[in-house]
Amino acid sequence: MSGQTIIGLKTVLYMIPCPIESTAMHTIPAGTLDILHGITHFIAEKSKTARHFIKNSGHPVGLQQIHIVDIDDSADPWQNLLTEAMHKGFPVGVLSEAGCPGVADPGANVVKWAHEKKIKVVPLTGPSSILLALMGSGFGGQQFTFLGYLPSKVPALLPKIKQLEQSASRGTTQIFMEAPYRNGFLLENILRVCQDNALLCVACDISSDTEMIFTQKISAWKKTDISVYHKRPCIYLMG
């Protein structure tokens, strides 16, 4: 075993989920909070959001003693932090803005680098909008595909939607997302392309007091006021 490998194994990189809705601290398990409260060095999607979460979690250490570096275009800050952690043996946590880091969120590059340096990576339990939407959709979870964001322009979007409808009809649940301010645009084009008997689930404001998860046929969606989803975080599923 190389010297570098021995150094790397002295620390742990924890992947720490955050509430999808900022006030929903109840979605974070006690065991995850216990580990969070033992960490003072973090790599975050957004440091401002991370500080808010850490404070609301009841962290025993004051924010002035918490060290946070952002995941941005430059890898230097977080690589420097992990290198220091490797040599000094302290744990580091990765925090997304909401949900699970590394899942439709920044963090994968940090984990990849940690594996290359033989740093132990430990994913912790917590909320994921993707899995929660799937659980609430009524669609099959045996086979599913998460596609992230669909094409933003109509000429590419319409055939993509049709492709997803066909894949869903063959038994593979299709999961995707859109920027909240474009929900109306996406829904209008789904209703434009899909057959009336196709099933669509819209999972909105997951884990918040205003959560709405509805699955119905396209024919029913055409009679639904889709403006209620404007600027609200949604996950979409076809099954």
C-alpha atoms as a PDB file:
ATOM      1  CA  MET A   1       0.000   0.000   0.000  1.00  0.00           C
ATOM      2  CA  SER A   2       1.432   3.380  -0.977  1.00  0.00           C
ATOM      3  CA  GLY A   3       2.051   6.179   1.471  1.00  0.00           C
ATOM      4  CA  GLN A   4      -0.566   8.274  -0.277  1.00  0.00           C
ATOM      5  CA  THR A   5      -3.165   5.539   0.163  1.00  0.00           C
ATOM      6  CA  ILE A   6      -2.442   5.357   3.906  1.00  0.00           C
ATOM      7  CA  ILE A   7      -2.815   9.136   4.215  1.00  0.00           C
ATOM      8  CA  GLY A   8      -6.074   9.136   2.259  1.00  0.00           C
ATOM      9  CA  LEU A   9      -7.656   6.488   4.458  1.00  0.00           C
ATOM     10  CA  LYS A  10      -7.221   8.697   7.520  1.00  0.00           C
ATOM     11  CA  THR A  11     -10.133  10.914   6.501  1.00  0.00           C
ATOM     12  CA  VAL A  12     -13.707  10.420   5.296  1.00  0.00           C
ATOM     13  CA  LEU A  13     -15.718  12.364   2.724  1.00  0.00           C
ATOM     14  CA  TYR A  14     -19.367  12.384   3.771  1.00  0.00           C
ATOM     15  CA  MET A  15     -22.116  13.058   1.210  1.00  0.00           C
ATOM     16  CA  ILE A  16     -24.746  14.872   3.283  1.00  0.00           C
ATOM     17  CA  PRO A  17     -28.304  15.448   2.001  1.00  0.00           C
ATOM     18  CA  CYS A  18     -30.008  18.757   2.782  1.00  0.00           C
ATOM     19  CA  PRO A  19     -33.741  19.461   3.058  1.00  0.00           C
ATOM     20  CA  ILE A  20     -35.380  19.927  -0.342  1.00  0.00           C
ATOM     21  CA  GLU A  21     -37.521  22.595   1.301  1.00  0.00           C
ATOM     22  CA  SER A  22     -35.422  24.764   3.619  1.00  0.00           C
ATOM     23  CA  THR A  23     -37.887  24.515   6.523  1.00  0.00           C
ATOM     24  CA  ALA A  24     -38.226  20.706   6.317  1.00  0.00           C
ATOM     25  CA  MET A  25     -35.486  19.748   8.770  1.00  0.00           C
ATOM     26  CA  HIS A  26     -37.589  16.737   9.784  1.00  0.00           C
ATOM     27  CA  THR A  27     -36.536  15.047   6.530  1.00  0.00           C
ATOM     28  CA  ILE A  28     -32.946  14.697   7.760  1.00  0.00           C
ATOM     29  CA  PRO A  29     -32.439  11.514   9.851  1.00  0.00           C
ATOM     30  CA  ALA A  30     -30.962  11.808  13.335  1.00  0.00           C
ATOM     31  CA  GLY A  31     -27.969   9.657  12.352  1.00  0.00           C
ATOM     32  CA  THR A  32     -27.125  12.001   9.481  1.00  0.00           C
ATOM     33  CA  LEU A  33     -27.366  15.003  11.809  1.00  0.00           C
ATOM     34  CA  ASP A  34     -25.073  13.296  14.323  1.00  0.00           C
ATOM     35  CA  ILE A  35     -22.379  12.922  11.673  1.00  0.00           C
ATOM     36  CA  LEU A  36     -22.974  16.464  10.376  1.00  0.00           C
ATOM     37  CA  HIS A  37     -22.425  17.817  13.895  1.00  0.00           C
ATOM     38  CA  GLY A  38     -19.020  16.153  14.042  1.00  0.00           C
ATOM     39  CA  ILE A  39     -17.778  17.973  10.914  1.00  0.00           C
ATOM     40  CA  THR A  40     -16.424  21.508  10.696  1.00  0.00           C
ATOM     41  CA  HIS A  41     -15.090  21.472   7.108  1.00  0.00           C
ATOM     42  CA  PHE A  42     -17.457  21.415   4.146  1.00  0.00           C
ATOM     43  CA  ILE A  43     -17.542  21.578   0.357  1.00  0.00           C
ATOM     44  CA  ALA A  44     -20.835  23.124  -0.722  1.00  0.00           C
ATOM     45  CA  GLU A  45     -22.819  23.930  -3.836  1.00  0.00           C
ATOM     46  CA  LYS A  46     -23.562  27.331  -2.259  1.00  0.00           C
ATOM     47  CA  SER A  47     -21.911  28.380   0.977  1.00  0.00           C
ATOM     48  CA  LYS A  48     -24.784  30.702   1.955  1.00  0.00           C
ATOM     49  CA  THR A  49     -27.325  27.863   1.768  1.00  0.00           C
ATOM     50  CA  ALA A  50     -24.909  25.527   3.538  1.00  0.00           C
ATOM     51  CA  ARG A  51     -24.453  27.935   6.460  1.00  0.00           C
ATOM     52  CA  HIS A  52     -28.226  28.276   6.795  1.00  0.00           C
ATOM     53  CA  PHE A  53     -28.644  24.489   6.906  1.00  0.00           C
ATOM     54  CA  ILE A  54     -25.766  23.960   9.334  1.00  0.00           C
ATOM     55  CA  LYS A  55     -27.137  26.620  11.700  1.00  0.00           C
ATOM     56  CA  ASN A  56     -30.710  25.254  11.547  1.00  0.00           C
ATOM     57  CA  SER A  57     -29.424  21.744  12.227  1.00  0.00           C
ATOM     58  CA  GLY A  58     -28.325  22.792  15.701  1.00  0.00           C
ATOM     59  CA  HIS A  59     -24.619  22.310  14.992  1.00  0.00           C
ATOM     60  CA  PRO A  60     -22.712  22.582  18.296  1.00  0.00           C
ATOM     61  CA  VAL A  61     -19.944  24.657  16.698  1.00  0.00           C
ATOM     62  CA  GLY A  62     -20.520  28.318  15.842  1.00  0.00           C
ATOM     63  CA  LEU A  63     -20.553  29.321  12.185  1.00  0.00           C
ATOM     64  CA  GLN A  64     -17.419  31.418  12.691  1.00  0.00           C
ATOM     65  CA  GLN A  65     -15.564  28.149  13.331  1.00  0.00           C
ATOM     66  CA  ILE A  66     -17.062  26.354  10.308  1.00  0.00           C
ATOM     67  CA  HIS A  67     -14.936  26.277   7.149  1.00  0.00           C
ATOM     68  CA  ILE A  68     -16.804  26.087   3.818  1.00  0.00           C
ATOM     69  CA  VAL A  69     -15.499  26.162   0.251  1.00  0.00           C
ATOM     70  CA  ASP A  70     -17.772  26.332  -2.771  1.00  0.00           C
ATOM     71  CA  ILE A  71     -17.891  23.893  -5.665  1.00  0.00           C
ATOM     72  CA  ASP A  72     -17.229  26.184  -8.601  1.00  0.00           C
ATOM     73  CA  ASP A  73     -15.371  26.234 -11.894  1.00  0.00           C
ATOM     74  CA  SER A  74     -12.039  26.045 -10.088  1.00  0.00           C
ATOM     75  CA  ALA A  75     -11.219  22.772  -8.340  1.00  0.00           C
ATOM     76  CA  ASP A  76      -8.328  24.280  -6.396  1.00  0.00           C
ATOM     77  CA  PRO A  77     -10.206  25.315  -3.198  1.00  0.00           C
ATOM     78  CA  TRP A  78     -11.869  21.974  -2.524  1.00  0.00           C
ATOM     79  CA  GLN A  79      -8.858  19.954  -3.661  1.00  0.00           C
ATOM     80  CA  ASN A  80      -6.697  21.972  -1.268  1.00  0.00           C
ATOM     81  CA  LEU A  81      -9.196  21.330   1.525  1.00  0.00           C
ATOM     82  CA  LEU A  82      -9.268  17.581   0.892  1.00  0.00           C
ATOM     83  CA  THR A  83      -5.489  17.454   0.644  1.00  0.00           C
ATOM     84  CA  GLU A  84      -5.263  19.144   4.044  1.00  0.00           C
ATOM     85  CA  ALA A  85      -7.852  16.707   5.420  1.00  0.00           C
ATOM     86  CA  MET A  86      -5.844  13.759   4.099  1.00  0.00           C
ATOM     87  CA  HIS A  87      -2.759  14.880   6.008  1.00  0.00           C
ATOM     88  CA  LYS A  88      -4.479  16.013   9.209  1.00  0.00           C
ATOM     89  CA  GLY A  89      -7.126  13.275   9.342  1.00  0.00           C
ATOM     90  CA  PHE A  90     -10.319  15.330   9.756  1.00  0.00           C
ATOM     91  CA  PRO A  91     -13.641  14.525   7.997  1.00  0.00           C
ATOM     92  CA  VAL A  92     -15.143  16.652   5.226  1.00  0.00           C
ATOM     93  CA  GLY A  93     -18.806  16.957   4.275  1.00  0.00           C
ATOM     94  CA  VAL A  94     -20.260  17.673   0.828  1.00  0.00           C
ATOM     95  CA  LEU A  95     -23.509  19.671   0.849  1.00  0.00           C
ATOM     96  CA  SER A  96     -25.847  20.404  -2.045  1.00  0.00           C
ATOM     97  CA  GLU A  97     -28.239  23.328  -2.094  1.00  0.00           C
ATOM     98  CA  ALA A  98     -31.135  20.877  -1.716  1.00  0.00           C
ATOM     99  CA  GLY A  99     -31.413  17.107  -1.706  1.00  0.00           C
ATOM    100  CA  CYS A 100     -28.565  14.677  -2.310  1.00  0.00           C
ATOM    101  CA  PRO A 101     -25.157  15.957  -3.412  1.00  0.00           C
ATOM    102  CA  GLY A 102     -23.896  14.261  -6.550  1.00  0.00           C
ATOM    103  CA  VAL A 103     -27.418  13.275  -7.694  1.00  0.00           C
ATOM    104  CA  ALA A 104     -28.546  15.843 -10.288  1.00  0.00           C
ATOM    105  CA  ASP A 105     -26.384  18.168  -8.210  1.00  0.00           C
ATOM    106  CA  PRO A 106     -22.714  19.133  -8.038  1.00  0.00           C
ATOM    107  CA  GLY A 107     -20.429  16.817  -6.104  1.00  0.00           C
ATOM    108  CA  ALA A 108     -19.613  13.956  -8.458  1.00  0.00           C
ATOM    109  CA  ASN A 109     -16.238  15.447  -9.413  1.00  0.00           C
ATOM    110  CA  VAL A 110     -15.339  15.815  -5.741  1.00  0.00           C
ATOM    111  CA  VAL A 111     -16.189  12.157  -5.123  1.00  0.00           C
ATOM    112  CA  LYS A 112     -14.260  11.022  -8.195  1.00  0.00           C
ATOM    113  CA  TRP A 113     -11.173  12.910  -7.018  1.00  0.00           C
ATOM    114  CA  ALA A 114     -11.566  11.463  -3.515  1.00  0.00           C
ATOM    115  CA  HIS A 115     -11.640   7.921  -4.915  1.00  0.00           C
ATOM    116  CA  GLU A 116      -8.497   8.625  -6.928  1.00  0.00           C
ATOM    117  CA  LYS A 117      -6.773   9.711  -3.718  1.00  0.00           C
ATOM    118  CA  LYS A 118      -8.095   6.673  -1.801  1.00  0.00           C
ATOM    119  CA  ILE A 119     -10.233   8.821   0.497  1.00  0.00           C
ATOM    120  CA  LYS A 120     -13.142   6.880   1.966  1.00  0.00           C
ATOM    121  CA  VAL A 121     -16.508   8.135   0.662  1.00  0.00           C
ATOM    122  CA  VAL A 122     -19.649   7.641   2.771  1.00  0.00           C
ATOM    123  CA  PRO A 123     -23.101   8.618   1.376  1.00  0.00           C
ATOM    124  CA  LEU A 124     -25.624   9.435   4.108  1.00  0.00           C
ATOM    125  CA  THR A 125     -29.372   8.975   4.216  1.00  0.00           C
ATOM    126  CA  GLY A 126     -31.655  11.886   3.413  1.00  0.00           C
ATOM    127  CA  PRO A 127     -34.217  13.296   0.979  1.00  0.00           C
ATOM    128  CA  SER A 128     -33.940  12.901  -2.797  1.00  0.00           C
ATOM    129  CA  SER A 129     -36.627  14.578  -4.886  1.00  0.00           C
ATOM    130  CA  ILE A 130     -36.059  12.030  -7.652  1.00  0.00           C
ATOM    131  CA  LEU A 131     -36.731   8.966  -5.487  1.00  0.00           C
ATOM    132  CA  LEU A 132     -39.525  10.623  -3.517  1.00  0.00           C
ATOM    133  CA  ALA A 133     -41.269  11.549  -6.768  1.00  0.00           C
ATOM    134  CA  LEU A 134     -40.892   7.990  -8.044  1.00  0.00           C
ATOM    135  CA  MET A 135     -42.276   6.590  -4.799  1.00  0.00           C
ATOM    136  CA  GLY A 136     -45.310   8.861  -5.001  1.00  0.00           C
ATOM    137  CA  SER A 137     -46.009   8.451  -8.707  1.00  0.00           C
ATOM    138  CA  GLY A 138     -47.497   4.985  -8.820  1.00  0.00           C
ATOM    139  CA  PHE A 139     -45.114   4.088 -11.651  1.00  0.00           C
ATOM    140  CA  GLY A 140     -42.861   1.053 -11.673  1.00  0.00           C
ATOM    141  CA  GLY A 141     -39.575   1.420  -9.822  1.00  0.00           C
ATOM    142  CA  GLN A 142     -38.014  -1.776 -11.155  1.00  0.00           C
ATOM    143  CA  GLN A 143     -36.746   0.020 -14.266  1.00  0.00           C
ATOM    144  CA  PHE A 144     -36.424   3.787 -14.476  1.00  0.00           C
ATOM    145  CA  THR A 145     -34.280   6.397 -16.196  1.00  0.00           C
ATOM    146  CA  PHE A 146     -33.432   9.843 -14.871  1.00  0.00           C
ATOM    147  CA  LEU A 147     -32.705  12.246 -17.716  1.00  0.00           C
ATOM    148  CA  GLY A 148     -32.124  15.550 -15.927  1.00  0.00           C
ATOM    149  CA  TYR A 149     -33.113  18.533 -18.056  1.00  0.00           C
ATOM    150  CA  LEU A 150     -34.678  17.993 -21.468  1.00  0.00           C
ATOM    151  CA  PRO A 151     -33.685  20.074 -24.537  1.00  0.00           C
ATOM    152  CA  SER A 152     -34.599  23.734 -24.125  1.00  0.00           C
ATOM    153  CA  LYS A 153     -35.602  24.392 -27.749  1.00  0.00           C
ATOM    154  CA  VAL A 154     -38.864  23.141 -29.269  1.00  0.00           C
ATOM    155  CA  PRO A 155     -37.348  21.429 -32.356  1.00  0.00           C
ATOM    156  CA  ALA A 156     -35.255  19.148 -30.139  1.00  0.00           C
ATOM    157  CA  LEU A 157     -37.730  18.945 -27.264  1.00  0.00           C
ATOM    158  CA  LEU A 158     -40.742  17.549 -29.130  1.00  0.00           C
ATOM    159  CA  PRO A 159     -39.060  14.393 -30.508  1.00  0.00           C
ATOM    160  CA  LYS A 160     -37.417  13.852 -27.116  1.00  0.00           C
ATOM    161  CA  ILE A 161     -40.802  13.911 -25.376  1.00  0.00           C
ATOM    162  CA  LYS A 162     -42.153  11.427 -27.917  1.00  0.00           C
ATOM    163  CA  GLN A 163     -39.147   9.178 -27.286  1.00  0.00           C
ATOM    164  CA  LEU A 164     -39.786   9.282 -23.532  1.00  0.00           C
ATOM    165  CA  GLU A 165     -43.444   8.406 -24.051  1.00  0.00           C
ATOM    166  CA  GLN A 166     -42.452   5.365 -26.090  1.00  0.00           C
ATOM    167  CA  SER A 167     -39.864   4.231 -23.522  1.00  0.00           C
ATOM    168  CA  ALA A 168     -42.425   4.625 -20.736  1.00  0.00           C
ATOM    169  CA  SER A 169     -44.955   2.541 -22.682  1.00  0.00           C
ATOM    170  CA  ARG A 170     -42.386  -0.281 -22.758  1.00  0.00           C
ATOM    171  CA  GLY A 171     -42.163  -0.336 -18.961  1.00  0.00           C
ATOM    172  CA  THR A 172     -39.258   1.979 -18.112  1.00  0.00           C
ATOM    173  CA  THR A 173     -40.346   4.942 -16.009  1.00  0.00           C
ATOM    174  CA  GLN A 174     -38.943   8.211 -17.352  1.00  0.00           C
ATOM    175  CA  ILE A 175     -37.971  10.896 -14.824  1.00  0.00           C
ATOM    176  CA  PHE A 176     -36.896  14.431 -15.731  1.00  0.00           C
ATOM    177  CA  MET A 177     -36.895  18.006 -14.488  1.00  0.00           C
ATOM    178  CA  GLU A 178     -37.118  21.619 -15.610  1.00  0.00           C
ATOM    179  CA  ALA A 179     -36.288  25.058 -14.244  1.00  0.00           C
ATOM    180  CA  PRO A 180     -39.326  26.231 -12.231  1.00  0.00           C
ATOM    181  CA  TYR A 181     -39.969  29.267 -14.436  1.00  0.00           C
ATOM    182  CA  ARG A 182     -40.193  26.958 -17.496  1.00  0.00           C
ATOM    183  CA  ASN A 183     -42.756  24.537 -16.067  1.00  0.00           C
ATOM    184  CA  GLY A 184     -45.550  25.957 -18.209  1.00  0.00           C
ATOM    185  CA  PHE A 185     -43.447  25.695 -21.363  1.00  0.00           C
ATOM    186  CA  LEU A 186     -42.577  22.065 -20.688  1.00  0.00           C
ATOM    187  CA  LEU A 187     -46.095  21.009 -19.739  1.00  0.00           C
ATOM    188  CA  GLU A 188     -47.620  22.714 -22.776  1.00  0.00           C
ATOM    189  CA  ASN A 189     -45.292  20.779 -25.064  1.00  0.00           C
ATOM    190  CA  ILE A 190     -45.893  17.472 -23.266  1.00  0.00           C
ATOM    191  CA  LEU A 191     -49.643  17.948 -23.711  1.00  0.00           C
ATOM    192  CA  ARG A 192     -49.046  18.898 -27.333  1.00  0.00           C
ATOM    193  CA  VAL A 193     -47.106  15.731 -28.211  1.00  0.00           C
ATOM    194  CA  CYS A 194     -48.288  12.868 -26.009  1.00  0.00           C
ATOM    195  CA  GLN A 195     -51.277  10.624 -26.611  1.00  0.00           C
ATOM    196  CA  ASP A 196     -54.357  11.198 -24.461  1.00  0.00           C
ATOM    197  CA  ASN A 197     -54.037   7.840 -22.690  1.00  0.00           C
ATOM    198  CA  ALA A 198     -50.373   8.344 -21.729  1.00  0.00           C
ATOM    199  CA  LEU A 199     -49.723   8.820 -17.999  1.00  0.00           C
ATOM    200  CA  LEU A 200     -47.858  11.810 -16.570  1.00  0.00           C
ATOM    201  CA  CYS A 201     -46.948  12.521 -12.947  1.00  0.00           C
ATOM    202  CA  VAL A 202     -46.003  15.992 -11.722  1.00  0.00           C
ATOM    203  CA  ALA A 203     -44.407  16.044  -8.264  1.00  0.00           C
ATOM    204  CA  CYS A 204     -44.280  19.627  -6.979  1.00  0.00           C
ATOM    205  CA  ASP A 205     -42.807  21.202  -3.811  1.00  0.00           C
ATOM    206  CA  ILE A 206     -41.686  17.817  -2.519  1.00  0.00           C
ATOM    207  CA  SER A 207     -41.413  17.571   1.296  1.00  0.00           C
ATOM    208  CA  SER A 208     -42.965  21.013   1.841  1.00  0.00           C
ATOM    209  CA  ASP A 209     -46.377  21.910   3.261  1.00  0.00           C
ATOM    210  CA  THR A 210     -47.548  22.719  -0.290  1.00  0.00           C
ATOM    211  CA  GLU A 211     -46.452  19.382  -1.785  1.00  0.00           C
ATOM    212  CA  MET A 212     -48.571  18.150  -4.687  1.00  0.00           C
ATOM    213  CA  ILE A 213     -48.002  14.805  -6.442  1.00  0.00           C
ATOM    214  CA  PHE A 214     -50.542  13.996  -9.151  1.00  0.00           C
ATOM    215  CA  THR A 215     -50.568  11.191 -11.723  1.00  0.00           C
ATOM    216  CA  GLN A 216     -53.202  11.226 -14.431  1.00  0.00           C
ATOM    217  CA  LYS A 217     -53.730  10.708 -18.141  1.00  0.00           C
ATOM    218  CA  ILE A 218     -52.757  13.403 -20.611  1.00  0.00           C
ATOM    219  CA  SER A 219     -56.446  13.841 -21.407  1.00  0.00           C
ATOM    220  CA  ALA A 220     -57.027  14.843 -17.769  1.00  0.00           C
ATOM    221  CA  TRP A 221     -53.958  17.096 -17.707  1.00  0.00           C
ATOM    222  CA  LYS A 222     -55.412  18.994 -20.663  1.00  0.00           C
ATOM    223  CA  LYS A 223     -58.300  19.973 -18.390  1.00  0.00           C
ATOM    224  CA  THR A 224     -56.010  20.927 -15.502  1.00  0.00           C
ATOM    225  CA  ASP A 225     -54.864  24.468 -14.700  1.00  0.00           C
ATOM    226  CA  ILE A 226     -51.119  24.040 -15.191  1.00  0.00           C
ATOM    227  CA  SER A 227     -50.437  27.663 -14.207  1.00  0.00           C
ATOM    228  CA  VAL A 228     -50.419  26.526 -10.558  1.00  0.00           C
ATOM    229  CA  TYR A 229     -46.945  25.037 -11.185  1.00  0.00           C
ATOM    230  CA  HIS A 230     -45.364  28.309 -12.300  1.00  0.00           C
ATOM    231  CA  LYS A 231     -42.031  28.939 -10.558  1.00  0.00           C
ATOM    232  CA  ARG A 232     -42.430  25.896  -8.272  1.00  0.00           C
ATOM    233  CA  PRO A 233     -39.810  23.094  -8.217  1.00  0.00           C
ATOM    234  CA  CYS A 234     -41.179  20.023  -9.983  1.00  0.00           C
ATOM    235  CA  ILE A 235     -40.098  16.536 -10.966  1.00  0.00           C
ATOM    236  CA  TYR A 236     -41.830  14.948 -13.976  1.00  0.00           C
ATOM    237  CA  LEU A 237     -42.435  11.255 -14.611  1.00  0.00           C
ATOM    238  CA  MET A 238     -43.894   9.251 -17.460  1.00  0.00           C
ATOM    239  CA  GLY A 239     -44.915   5.674 -16.869  1.00  0.00           C
END
